[in-house]
Protein backbone atom coordinates (compact mmCIF):
# COMPACT_ATOMS: atom_id res chain seq x y z
CA MET A 1 0.00 0.00 0.00
CA PRO A 2 1.51 3.39 -0.91
CA THR A 3 2.34 5.87 1.76
CA THR A 4 -0.37 8.49 2.29
CA THR A 5 0.82 11.85 1.03
CA SER A 6 -1.82 14.14 2.46
CA THR A 7 -0.32 16.63 4.88
CA ASP A 8 -3.59 16.48 6.85
CA THR A 9 -3.10 12.79 7.76
CA PRO A 10 -1.55 12.23 11.19
CA ASN A 11 1.64 10.15 11.26
CA HIS A 12 0.04 7.39 13.31
CA VAL A 13 -2.64 6.85 10.62
CA ARG A 14 -0.24 6.67 7.67
CA ARG A 15 0.36 3.24 6.15
CA LYS A 16 3.66 2.02 4.79
CA GLY A 17 4.12 -1.29 2.99
CA LEU A 18 7.22 -3.47 3.12
CA ARG A 19 8.39 -2.33 -0.32
CA ASP A 20 8.15 1.31 0.71
CA PHE A 21 10.00 0.47 3.91
CA TYR A 22 12.99 -1.08 2.12
CA GLU A 23 13.13 1.66 -0.51
CA ASP A 24 13.54 4.22 2.28
CA PRO A 25 17.20 5.42 2.16
CA SER A 26 17.22 5.77 5.94
CA VAL A 27 16.66 2.03 6.48
CA PRO A 28 20.01 0.28 7.17
CA VAL A 29 21.02 -2.12 4.36
CA ALA A 30 24.67 -2.77 5.30
CA SER A 31 26.03 -5.74 7.25
CA GLY A 32 28.72 -5.84 9.88
CA THR A 33 32.29 -6.26 8.61
CA PRO A 34 33.33 -9.09 11.03
CA ARG A 35 30.39 -11.21 9.87
CA SER A 36 31.06 -10.43 6.20
CA LEU A 37 34.74 -11.37 6.55
CA ALA A 38 34.01 -14.64 8.35
CA GLN A 39 31.46 -15.60 5.73
CA ALA A 40 33.82 -14.69 2.87
CA ARG A 41 36.59 -16.82 4.38
CA MET A 42 34.21 -19.79 4.58
CA LEU A 43 33.24 -19.33 0.94
CA ALA A 44 36.84 -18.87 -0.25
CA GLU A 45 37.81 -22.10 1.48
CA ALA A 46 34.87 -23.92 -0.13
CA LEU A 47 35.45 -22.61 -3.67
CA GLY A 48 39.22 -22.89 -3.77
CA PRO A 49 41.53 -20.86 -6.05
CA ALA A 50 40.07 -19.35 -9.21
CA THR A 51 42.96 -20.89 -11.17
CA ARG A 52 41.08 -24.19 -11.01
CA HIS A 53 37.65 -22.79 -11.85
CA THR A 54 36.18 -19.29 -12.09
CA SER A 55 33.01 -19.46 -10.06
CA THR A 56 29.88 -17.33 -10.31
CA VAL A 57 28.84 -16.06 -6.89
CA LEU A 58 25.43 -14.42 -6.46
CA ASP A 59 25.06 -12.05 -3.51
CA ILE A 60 21.28 -12.21 -3.21
CA GLY A 61 19.89 -9.32 -1.22
CA CYS A 62 23.18 -7.48 -1.64
CA GLY A 63 21.90 -4.25 -0.09
CA ASP A 64 24.45 -1.48 -0.53
CA GLY A 65 27.13 -3.94 -1.71
CA THR A 66 29.19 -3.80 1.50
CA ALA A 67 29.23 -7.58 2.02
CA ALA A 68 30.20 -8.28 -1.61
CA ALA A 69 32.93 -5.64 -1.52
CA THR A 70 34.29 -7.12 1.72
CA ALA A 71 34.31 -10.60 0.20
CA ALA A 72 35.87 -9.59 -3.14
CA PRO A 73 39.56 -9.50 -2.01
CA LEU A 74 39.19 -13.05 -0.67
CA LEU A 75 37.50 -14.27 -3.86
CA THR A 76 39.97 -12.93 -6.42
CA GLY A 77 39.25 -14.29 -9.88
CA HIS A 78 35.70 -15.35 -9.07
CA ARG A 79 32.79 -13.31 -10.42
CA ILE A 80 30.50 -11.74 -7.81
CA ILE A 81 27.08 -10.47 -8.93
CA GLY A 82 24.99 -8.41 -6.53
CA VAL A 83 21.23 -8.92 -6.71
CA ASP A 84 18.56 -6.83 -5.01
CA TRP A 85 15.07 -5.57 -5.81
CA SER A 86 15.50 -2.21 -4.05
CA GLN A 87 16.48 0.42 -6.61
CA ASP A 88 17.94 2.61 -3.87
CA ALA A 89 20.14 -0.25 -2.59
CA LEU A 90 21.28 -1.07 -6.14
CA ARG A 91 22.35 2.52 -6.76
CA ARG A 92 24.63 2.28 -3.75
CA ALA A 93 25.81 -1.25 -4.54
CA ARG A 94 26.98 -0.21 -8.02
CA THR A 95 29.55 2.08 -6.42
CA ARG A 96 31.13 -0.95 -4.70
CA VAL A 97 30.74 -3.99 -6.99
CA PRO A 98 31.19 -4.34 -10.78
CA TYR A 99 27.88 -6.17 -11.30
CA ALA A 100 24.66 -5.32 -9.50
CA ILE A 101 21.32 -6.21 -11.08
CA ARG A 102 17.69 -6.18 -10.10
CA GLY A 103 16.09 -9.47 -9.17
CA GLU A 104 13.56 -10.96 -6.78
CA LEU A 105 13.08 -14.24 -4.99
CA ALA A 106 9.36 -14.02 -5.73
CA ASP A 107 7.16 -12.68 -8.54
CA GLY A 108 8.84 -14.62 -11.34
CA GLY A 109 12.10 -15.55 -9.68
CA LEU A 110 15.70 -14.57 -10.18
CA PRO A 111 16.93 -13.59 -13.68
CA PHE A 112 19.29 -16.58 -13.91
CA ARG A 113 19.10 -19.98 -15.57
CA SER A 114 18.70 -23.09 -13.45
CA GLU A 115 21.99 -24.52 -12.17
CA SER A 116 23.94 -21.46 -13.36
CA ALA A 117 25.57 -20.35 -10.08
CA ASP A 118 28.38 -21.94 -8.11
CA ALA A 119 27.61 -20.19 -4.84
CA VAL A 120 25.06 -17.90 -3.22
CA LEU A 121 25.74 -15.39 -0.48
CA PHE A 122 22.52 -14.87 1.47
CA SER A 123 23.56 -12.39 4.14
CA GLU A 124 21.07 -11.03 6.67
CA VAL A 125 18.16 -11.53 4.26
CA ILE A 126 16.10 -14.50 5.37
CA GLU A 127 14.92 -12.74 8.54
CA HIS A 128 13.22 -10.11 6.34
CA LEU A 129 11.18 -12.51 4.18
CA VAL A 130 7.48 -13.25 4.28
CA ASP A 131 8.02 -16.55 2.41
CA PRO A 132 11.47 -18.02 3.19
CA ASP A 133 10.43 -21.43 1.85
CA SER A 134 9.99 -20.10 -1.69
CA ALA A 135 13.24 -18.14 -1.36
CA LEU A 136 15.27 -21.27 -0.61
CA ASP A 137 13.46 -23.11 -3.42
CA GLU A 138 14.61 -20.41 -5.85
CA ILE A 139 18.17 -20.47 -4.52
CA HIS A 140 18.15 -24.26 -4.90
CA ARG A 141 17.06 -23.82 -8.53
CA VAL A 142 19.85 -21.44 -9.56
CA LEU A 143 22.64 -23.35 -7.77
CA ARG A 144 24.40 -26.14 -9.64
CA PRO A 145 24.42 -29.56 -7.94
CA GLY A 146 26.97 -29.34 -5.14
CA GLY A 147 26.82 -25.53 -5.21
CA HIS A 148 27.41 -23.62 -1.99
CA LEU A 149 24.94 -21.60 0.08
CA MET A 150 26.47 -19.18 2.60
CA LEU A 151 23.63 -17.92 4.78
CA SER A 152 23.83 -15.60 7.77
CA THR A 153 21.07 -14.44 10.07
CA PRO A 154 20.66 -13.11 13.63
CA ASN A 155 20.34 -15.72 16.36
CA LEU A 156 17.12 -15.59 18.35
CA ALA A 157 18.88 -17.54 21.12
CA ALA A 158 21.92 -15.23 21.35
CA TRP A 159 23.42 -15.22 24.84
CA TYR A 160 21.99 -11.83 25.80
CA ASN A 161 18.54 -12.66 24.38
CA ARG A 162 18.28 -15.57 26.79
CA ALA A 163 18.86 -13.19 29.68
CA LEU A 164 16.46 -10.60 28.27
CA LEU A 165 13.65 -13.14 27.93
CA LEU A 166 14.16 -14.27 31.51
CA ALA A 167 13.74 -10.62 32.51
CA GLY A 168 10.58 -10.30 30.41
CA VAL A 169 12.22 -8.06 27.79
CA GLN A 170 11.66 -8.39 24.03
CA PRO A 171 14.76 -10.04 22.44
CA VAL A 172 17.23 -8.05 20.37
CA PHE A 173 16.67 -8.47 16.60
CA SER A 174 12.92 -9.08 17.06
CA GLU A 175 10.46 -6.35 16.06
CA VAL A 176 6.77 -5.83 16.64
CA SER A 177 6.35 -2.78 14.38
CA LEU A 178 7.79 -1.15 11.27
CA ARG A 179 7.29 2.29 12.83
CA GLY A 180 9.23 2.15 16.06
CA ILE A 181 11.06 0.10 18.69
CA HIS A 182 8.85 -1.29 21.44
CA GLY A 183 9.93 -3.30 24.44
CA ARG A 184 13.51 -4.10 23.47
CA PRO A 185 16.98 -2.48 23.44
CA GLY A 186 18.07 -0.62 20.32
CA THR A 187 16.98 2.39 18.27
CA GLU A 188 16.77 1.21 14.64
CA VAL A 189 13.81 -0.45 12.94
CA VAL A 190 15.22 -2.83 10.32
CA GLY A 191 12.19 -4.91 9.32
CA HIS A 192 12.85 -8.35 10.78
CA LEU A 193 9.91 -10.71 10.24
CA ARG A 194 11.41 -14.09 11.21
CA LEU A 195 14.12 -15.22 13.59
CA TYR A 196 15.92 -18.55 13.92
CA THR A 197 17.78 -20.53 16.52
CA ALA A 198 20.74 -22.65 15.41
CA ARG A 199 18.66 -25.82 15.53
CA ALA A 200 15.73 -24.33 13.65
CA LEU A 201 18.00 -22.93 10.93
CA ARG A 202 19.75 -26.26 10.41
CA GLU A 203 16.45 -28.14 10.17
CA PHE A 204 14.86 -25.57 7.85
CA VAL A 205 17.77 -25.48 5.40
CA ALA A 206 18.07 -29.30 5.36
CA ALA A 207 14.35 -29.63 4.66
CA SER A 208 14.78 -27.30 1.65
CA GLY A 209 17.08 -29.67 -0.22
CA PHE A 210 20.49 -28.72 1.16
CA GLU A 211 23.14 -30.58 3.11
CA VAL A 212 24.37 -28.53 6.05
CA VAL A 213 28.18 -28.56 6.03
CA ARG A 214 29.02 -26.23 8.88
CA LEU A 215 27.49 -23.78 11.33
CA ARG A 216 29.59 -21.04 12.93
CA GLY A 217 28.95 -18.05 15.15
CA ALA A 218 29.88 -14.42 14.49
CA PRO A 219 29.76 -11.24 16.62
CA PHE A 220 27.18 -8.48 16.22
CA HIS A 221 28.45 -4.97 15.52
CA GLY A 222 25.60 -3.45 17.55
CA VAL A 223 26.64 -4.98 20.87
CA PRO A 224 27.72 -2.24 23.35
CA ARG A 225 31.51 -1.91 23.47
CA PRO A 226 31.96 -3.19 27.09
CA LEU A 227 30.15 -6.43 26.14
CA ARG A 228 32.00 -7.10 22.88
CA PRO A 229 34.65 -9.41 24.44
CA LEU A 230 31.81 -11.59 25.75
CA ASP A 231 30.14 -11.53 22.36
CA ARG A 232 33.33 -12.73 20.68
CA LEU A 233 33.72 -15.50 23.24
CA ALA A 234 30.16 -16.65 22.57
CA CYS A 235 31.10 -17.36 18.94
CA ALA A 236 32.81 -20.54 20.16
CA ALA A 237 29.31 -21.91 20.82
CA PRO A 238 27.26 -21.05 17.69
CA SER A 239 23.96 -21.81 19.41
CA ALA A 240 24.64 -18.84 21.75
CA ALA A 241 26.40 -16.51 19.27
CA SER A 242 24.87 -13.25 18.03
CA ILE A 243 24.96 -14.20 14.35
CA LEU A 244 24.59 -17.63 12.75
CA LEU A 245 26.82 -18.41 9.73
CA LEU A 246 25.66 -21.50 7.88
CA HIS A 247 27.41 -23.26 4.99
CA ALA A 248 25.26 -25.71 3.05
CA ARG A 249 25.50 -27.44 -0.32
CA ARG A 250 22.78 -28.22 -2.82
CA THR A 251 22.20 -31.95 -2.77
């Protein structure tokens, strides 16, 4: 639904759809560098040197291109293509990556042939989707057999969220509104619709036709500075880490 433009309409009555929300330049579309680096290292290890084979890597939901640009030095010789449906995000991504094109996981699918990609980066996207099942079906379609999926998403069961729930506080990463923060720490609305624990993510990805190879933890850049050492320590136990990094292969 388009945003009401009448100046006589109070703010609390105005309606804003998801598409309008993600086309808003003020909505954050970048990912944290530590998570992007860890994910890129996992992918570089899986793909191997480009001297053996030049791989096509799709960064689906590339946002402003930060994650792809962070990964590029570790994936020298491989071709990275950023994909997003937000025109505003694509304008920013094209300043960071050589290839950035418009595509969707719904409404006709991605503009790629079946089994045409060697790897997919799916960074901090799945938590924003209404229909994650169809999204993984489409990723499965474009990946060649044995192709790699590198997925990252916030962890509902992060160590501090467990404490917050015990105290009756809404967990970090979860949101009850697209208009403001209610009942949880933080100041930014980022549009999260779904959250996963490590176990739920493993089961969901496996049920979508992938073999889970590895699950790692990564820190969250939004953790207050005094707590960051604890957040890094929690990465040793992915089920309690801030961010879940999952490597899976198309079976």
